[in-house]
């Protein structure tokens, strides 16, 4: 895939993430509870954004690995307006999609 296409996908995924974070902040400030649907959307957008960034990184063999998603996310909003997401990012090898997954803490 061309770098230009990947960079366009990064921008698009970044816009999705920003929209999901805005929705989360609005929902939490109005209803004062965690919206699990929005948290799932944030995790999906983060996974997509990370995948596209890794496509540009020479050390990540894109054709060999795939990202599955973030498990057990914890979201914290700080007074500065920064949103932190913590969880386990799961990934696996493309040639063994039914095999064991590996996790990396975020």
Protein backbone atom coordinates (compact mmCIF):
# COMPACT_ATOMS: atom_id res chain seq x y z
CA UNK A 1 0.00 0.00 0.00
CA UNK A 2 1.25 3.45 -0.81
CA UNK A 3 2.30 5.75 2.02
CA UNK A 4 -0.08 8.46 0.82
CA UNK A 5 -3.05 6.08 1.10
CA UNK A 6 -1.98 5.01 4.57
CA UNK A 7 -1.61 8.61 5.72
CA UNK A 8 -5.12 9.36 4.42
CA UNK A 9 -6.41 6.38 6.42
CA UNK A 10 -4.61 7.71 9.51
CA UNK A 11 -6.35 11.07 9.14
CA UNK A 12 -9.73 9.39 8.69
CA UNK A 13 -9.23 7.11 11.72
CA UNK A 14 -8.13 10.15 13.74
CA UNK A 15 -11.36 11.95 12.86
CA UNK A 16 -13.40 8.90 13.94
CA UNK A 17 -11.49 8.75 17.21
CA UNK A 18 -12.03 12.46 17.87
CA UNK A 19 -15.77 12.09 17.21
CA UNK A 20 -16.00 9.10 19.57
CA UNK A 21 -14.06 10.89 22.32
CA UNK A 22 -16.29 13.98 21.99
CA UNK A 23 -19.39 11.77 22.27
CA UNK A 24 -17.92 10.03 25.33
CA UNK A 25 -17.11 13.34 27.05
CA UNK A 26 -20.58 14.71 26.29
CA UNK A 27 -22.33 11.55 27.51
CA UNK A 28 -20.31 11.40 30.72
CA UNK A 29 -20.81 15.06 31.56
CA UNK A 30 -24.58 14.90 30.92
CA UNK A 31 -25.49 11.51 32.36
CA UNK A 32 -22.45 10.97 34.59
CA UNK A 33 -21.99 7.33 33.58
CA UNK A 34 -19.80 5.33 31.24
CA UNK A 35 -21.36 4.61 27.86
CA UNK A 36 -20.10 1.11 26.95
CA UNK A 37 -21.07 1.51 23.29
CA UNK A 38 -18.97 4.65 23.00
CA UNK A 39 -16.06 3.03 24.87
CA UNK A 40 -16.17 0.16 22.37
CA UNK A 41 -16.14 2.68 19.50
CA UNK A 42 -13.14 4.49 21.03
CA UNK A 43 -11.23 1.21 21.36
CA UNK A 44 -12.07 0.24 17.77
CA UNK A 45 -10.91 3.65 16.50
CA UNK A 46 -7.69 3.41 18.53
CA UNK A 47 -6.99 -0.07 17.15
CA UNK A 48 -7.56 1.13 13.60
CA UNK A 49 -5.39 4.21 14.10
CA UNK A 50 -2.57 2.14 15.60
CA UNK A 51 -2.79 -0.41 12.79
CA UNK A 52 -2.39 2.31 10.17
CA UNK A 53 0.53 3.89 12.02
CA UNK A 54 2.22 0.50 12.23
CA UNK A 55 1.81 0.06 8.46
CA UNK A 56 4.23 2.98 8.08
CA UNK A 57 6.74 1.48 10.54
CA UNK A 58 9.38 -0.69 8.91
CA UNK A 59 9.77 -2.89 12.01
CA UNK A 60 6.15 -4.11 11.96
CA UNK A 61 5.66 -6.79 9.32
CA UNK A 62 2.11 -5.83 8.26
CA UNK A 63 1.64 -8.85 6.04
CA UNK A 64 2.43 -11.19 8.91
CA UNK A 65 0.48 -9.66 11.82
CA UNK A 66 -2.95 -8.22 12.55
CA UNK A 67 -4.45 -6.30 15.47
CA UNK A 68 -7.57 -7.72 17.09
CA UNK A 69 -8.61 -5.01 19.53
CA UNK A 70 -8.45 -3.71 23.09
CA UNK A 71 -9.76 -5.86 25.93
CA UNK A 72 -11.02 -4.64 29.32
CA UNK A 73 -10.53 -0.94 28.60
CA UNK A 74 -10.38 1.58 31.40
CA UNK A 75 -10.96 5.19 30.43
CA UNK A 76 -9.95 8.16 32.55
CA UNK A 77 -10.56 11.83 31.81
CA UNK A 78 -8.16 14.28 33.39
CA UNK A 79 -8.90 17.91 34.21
CA UNK A 80 -6.74 18.99 31.28
CA UNK A 81 -9.26 17.38 28.90
CA UNK A 82 -6.93 14.51 28.08
CA UNK A 83 -8.55 11.09 27.77
CA UNK A 84 -6.45 8.06 28.76
CA UNK A 85 -7.33 4.54 27.65
CA UNK A 86 -5.73 1.57 29.32
CA UNK A 87 -6.21 -2.08 28.38
CA UNK A 88 -4.66 -5.01 26.56
CA UNK A 89 -4.16 -4.78 22.80
CA UNK A 90 -4.39 -8.23 21.24
CA UNK A 91 -2.61 -9.21 18.05
CA UNK A 92 -1.86 -12.40 16.16
CA UNK A 93 -0.11 -13.85 13.16
CA UNK A 94 -1.99 -13.83 9.86
CA UNK A 95 -0.78 -17.30 8.90
CA UNK A 96 -2.33 -18.70 12.11
CA UNK A 97 -5.56 -16.76 12.61
CA UNK A 98 -7.09 -19.44 14.81
CA UNK A 99 -3.92 -19.73 16.88
CA UNK A 100 -2.87 -18.02 20.06
CA UNK A 101 -3.11 -14.26 20.35
CA UNK A 102 -0.60 -12.10 22.15
CA UNK A 103 -1.33 -9.06 24.24
CA UNK A 104 0.52 -5.82 24.79
CA UNK A 105 -0.47 -3.49 27.61
CA UNK A 106 -1.50 -0.01 26.52
